[in-house]
Amino acid sequence: MLHGTLGRMEETTRVLVGYATANGSTAGVAERIATGLRGAGREVDCRPVGPDLAPDRYDAVVLGSAVHDMAWLPPAVDFVHRMSSTVPTWFFSVGGVQPAGPLTRRLAAGEVARVERGFPPEFRNREHRLFAGVVRMAGLALWGRLFWRLIGGRDGDHRDWPAIDAWARDIGTDLAGRGDRQERAPS
């Protein structure tokens, strides 16, 4: 979108905050990130990814997925394969583990590395964050409940809204630093 001001033309960066969610937790994180970017003056679309969503319509992408069995959901992986690696891109994963202690930090690093193995090897993102989501013990298989209890996990909403808000601010700052409001010569 172009805005004219006293002989100058400024271009606003169109940002997609796309997501793949299983039970809604990831959608909530995506909406929170989109709200933060809108507050920073960005034009933002927040929507689930699928075959009908064209990644080339955007100047920057923030893409997230729920993590199941240490992998992103198929719609998000498919979307990464359709994206251009020249577009500034940030990834976020939503899982049960909040990387707070040494064990969970190691688990989180391993989870992010395993998720990224599903991406094209030449694809470079600016950053990949792992956020805790909502865990409902009743929805986990027996081995999942046992593992979750072993690492000290509890049932409930574990999303860290201040950390999510801070990350959205960081992305907004990074976009502003990239010169997304470039001067254009008058026609």
Protein backbone atom coordinates (compact mmCIF):
# COMPACT_ATOMS: atom_id res chain seq x y z
CA MET A 1 0.00 0.00 0.00
CA LEU A 2 1.45 3.40 -0.98
CA HIS A 3 1.00 6.59 1.02
CA GLY A 4 1.98 10.01 -0.35
CA THR A 5 3.35 12.72 1.94
CA LEU A 6 4.73 16.02 0.62
CA GLY A 7 6.22 14.61 -2.55
CA ARG A 8 7.38 11.39 -0.86
CA MET A 9 5.90 7.96 -1.33
CA GLU A 10 6.10 5.48 1.50
CA GLU A 11 5.40 1.79 1.21
CA THR A 12 3.87 -0.12 4.12
CA THR A 13 5.08 -3.66 4.58
CA ARG A 14 2.33 -6.28 4.23
CA VAL A 15 2.89 -8.96 6.85
CA LEU A 16 1.28 -12.38 7.01
CA VAL A 17 0.94 -14.00 10.40
CA GLY A 18 0.03 -17.50 9.25
CA TYR A 19 -0.58 -20.54 11.39
CA ALA A 20 -1.61 -24.18 11.51
CA THR A 21 -3.44 -25.15 14.68
CA ALA A 22 -4.83 -28.38 16.04
CA ASN A 23 -6.90 -27.17 18.98
CA GLY A 24 -6.77 -23.36 18.82
CA SER A 25 -3.75 -22.60 21.03
CA THR A 26 -1.52 -21.68 18.07
CA ALA A 27 -4.25 -19.48 16.58
CA GLY A 28 -4.33 -17.53 19.85
CA VAL A 29 -0.56 -16.99 19.73
CA ALA A 30 -0.76 -15.90 16.07
CA GLU A 31 -3.56 -13.43 16.82
CA ARG A 32 -1.55 -11.94 19.68
CA ILE A 33 1.51 -11.49 17.43
CA ALA A 34 -0.67 -9.91 14.72
CA THR A 35 -2.15 -7.48 17.25
CA GLY A 36 1.35 -6.44 18.33
CA LEU A 37 2.47 -5.87 14.75
CA ARG A 38 -0.67 -3.86 13.96
CA GLY A 39 0.06 -1.74 17.02
CA ALA A 40 3.48 -1.03 15.48
CA GLY A 41 1.75 0.31 12.36
CA ARG A 42 2.06 -2.77 10.15
CA GLU A 43 -0.58 -3.96 7.69
CA VAL A 44 -1.20 -7.51 8.92
CA ASP A 45 -3.26 -10.48 7.74
CA CYS A 46 -3.66 -13.20 10.37
CA ARG A 47 -5.05 -16.44 8.99
CA PRO A 48 -4.66 -20.21 8.85
CA VAL A 49 -2.33 -21.40 6.10
CA GLY A 50 -3.58 -23.64 3.35
CA PRO A 51 -3.27 -24.23 -0.38
CA ASP A 52 -5.42 -21.16 -1.20
CA LEU A 53 -3.12 -18.71 0.63
CA ALA A 54 -0.44 -17.22 -1.66
CA PRO A 55 2.81 -16.45 0.19
CA ASP A 56 4.03 -14.14 -2.59
CA ARG A 57 1.37 -11.54 -1.66
CA TYR A 58 3.38 -10.54 1.42
CA ASP A 59 6.56 -8.60 2.12
CA ALA A 60 7.24 -10.46 5.38
CA VAL A 61 5.90 -13.63 6.99
CA VAL A 62 5.54 -14.79 10.58
CA LEU A 63 4.58 -18.46 10.40
CA GLY A 64 3.71 -20.81 13.22
CA SER A 65 2.38 -24.26 13.87
CA ALA A 66 1.38 -26.55 16.65
CA VAL A 67 4.04 -29.21 17.21
CA HIS A 68 2.89 -32.83 17.30
CA ASP A 69 5.46 -35.61 17.63
CA MET A 70 8.25 -33.04 17.14
CA ALA A 71 6.91 -31.93 13.74
CA TRP A 72 4.84 -29.06 12.40
CA LEU A 73 1.38 -29.78 11.09
CA PRO A 74 1.29 -30.56 7.33
CA PRO A 75 -0.40 -27.30 6.19
CA ALA A 76 2.42 -25.23 7.73
CA VAL A 77 5.19 -27.43 6.28
CA ASP A 78 3.53 -27.27 2.85
CA PHE A 79 3.37 -23.47 3.13
CA VAL A 80 7.11 -23.25 3.91
CA HIS A 81 7.83 -25.27 0.77
CA ARG A 82 5.82 -22.76 -1.30
CA MET A 83 7.53 -19.68 0.18
CA SER A 84 10.45 -17.72 -1.20
CA SER A 85 13.48 -17.67 1.09
CA THR A 86 14.07 -14.03 0.08
CA VAL A 87 11.06 -12.82 2.09
CA PRO A 88 11.95 -11.96 5.72
CA THR A 89 10.46 -14.83 7.72
CA TRP A 90 10.09 -15.62 11.40
CA PHE A 91 8.88 -19.00 12.65
CA PHE A 92 7.18 -19.92 15.90
CA SER A 93 6.25 -23.32 17.23
CA VAL A 94 3.67 -23.97 19.91
CA GLY A 95 4.14 -27.05 22.04
CA GLY A 96 3.79 -28.14 25.61
CA VAL A 97 7.33 -27.45 26.78
CA GLN A 98 8.18 -24.04 28.22
CA PRO A 99 11.99 -23.84 27.93
CA ALA A 100 12.67 -22.70 31.50
CA GLY A 101 15.15 -25.16 33.05
CA PRO A 102 18.22 -26.94 31.63
CA LEU A 103 16.31 -30.11 30.67
CA THR A 104 13.44 -28.30 28.99
CA ARG A 105 15.84 -25.93 27.18
CA ARG A 106 17.63 -28.97 25.71
CA LEU A 107 14.29 -30.53 24.78
CA ALA A 108 13.15 -27.28 23.18
CA ALA A 109 16.36 -26.90 21.14
CA GLY A 110 16.00 -30.48 19.92
CA GLU A 111 12.36 -29.91 19.05
CA VAL A 112 13.12 -26.77 16.99
CA ALA A 113 15.97 -28.56 15.16
CA ARG A 114 13.73 -31.52 14.37
CA VAL A 115 10.89 -29.29 13.17
CA GLU A 116 13.27 -27.44 10.82
CA ARG A 117 14.43 -30.72 9.25
CA GLY A 118 11.06 -30.74 7.50
CA PHE A 119 11.86 -27.43 5.75
CA PRO A 120 13.73 -26.99 2.47
CA PRO A 121 17.47 -27.07 3.31
CA GLU A 122 18.14 -23.77 1.54
CA PHE A 123 15.41 -21.91 3.46
CA ARG A 124 16.72 -19.35 5.93
CA ASN A 125 14.48 -17.79 8.53
CA ARG A 126 15.37 -14.82 10.72
CA GLU A 127 14.41 -16.57 13.95
CA HIS A 128 12.46 -19.55 15.27
CA ARG A 129 10.82 -19.31 18.70
CA LEU A 130 9.19 -22.04 20.71
CA PHE A 131 6.27 -21.04 22.91
CA ALA A 132 4.36 -23.19 25.35
CA GLY A 133 0.72 -23.75 24.52
CA VAL A 134 -2.34 -25.23 26.15
CA VAL A 135 -2.00 -28.78 27.43
CA ARG A 136 -5.06 -30.88 28.19
CA MET A 137 -3.92 -34.11 29.83
CA ALA A 138 -7.15 -35.84 28.82
CA GLY A 139 -6.19 -35.39 25.17
CA LEU A 140 -2.75 -37.01 25.51
CA ALA A 141 -1.88 -40.65 24.93
CA LEU A 142 -0.69 -42.57 28.00
CA TRP A 143 3.01 -42.20 27.07
CA GLY A 144 2.44 -38.46 26.54
CA ARG A 145 0.85 -38.04 29.97
CA LEU A 146 3.69 -39.99 31.60
CA PHE A 147 6.39 -37.97 29.83
CA TRP A 148 4.63 -34.70 30.58
CA ARG A 149 4.47 -35.56 34.28
CA LEU A 150 8.13 -36.68 34.32
CA ILE A 151 9.29 -33.26 33.15
CA GLY A 152 7.03 -31.53 35.67
CA GLY A 153 4.29 -30.52 33.24
CA ARG A 154 0.82 -29.52 34.37
CA ASP A 155 -2.56 -29.39 32.71
CA GLY A 156 -3.64 -25.94 31.53
CA ASP A 157 -2.76 -22.84 29.53
CA HIS A 158 1.01 -22.27 29.61
CA ARG A 159 1.23 -19.50 27.01
CA ASP A 160 3.62 -16.75 28.12
CA TRP A 161 1.81 -13.67 26.82
CA PRO A 162 4.52 -11.16 27.88
CA ALA A 163 7.17 -13.20 25.99
CA ILE A 164 4.91 -13.40 22.92
CA ASP A 165 4.25 -9.63 23.07
CA ALA A 166 7.99 -8.91 23.41
CA TRP A 167 8.76 -11.09 20.39
CA ALA A 168 6.11 -9.27 18.31
CA ARG A 169 7.74 -5.96 19.30
CA ASP A 170 11.16 -7.32 18.28
CA ILE A 171 9.79 -8.32 14.86
CA GLY A 172 8.21 -4.87 14.44
CA THR A 173 11.54 -3.24 15.31
CA ASP A 174 13.38 -5.50 12.89
CA LEU A 175 10.93 -4.63 10.11
CA ALA A 176 11.35 -0.91 10.81
CA GLY A 177 15.14 -1.30 10.71
CA ARG A 178 14.93 -3.00 7.31
CA GLY A 179 13.76 0.25 5.77
CA ASP A 180 10.26 -0.95 5.04
CA ARG A 181 9.33 2.69 4.54
CA GLN A 182 11.57 3.41 1.60
CA GLU A 183 11.63 6.73 -0.21
CA ARG A 184 10.56 6.55 -3.82
CA ALA A 185 11.38 9.07 -6.49
CA PRO A 186 8.40 11.23 -7.48
CA SER A 187 6.85 10.24 -10.82
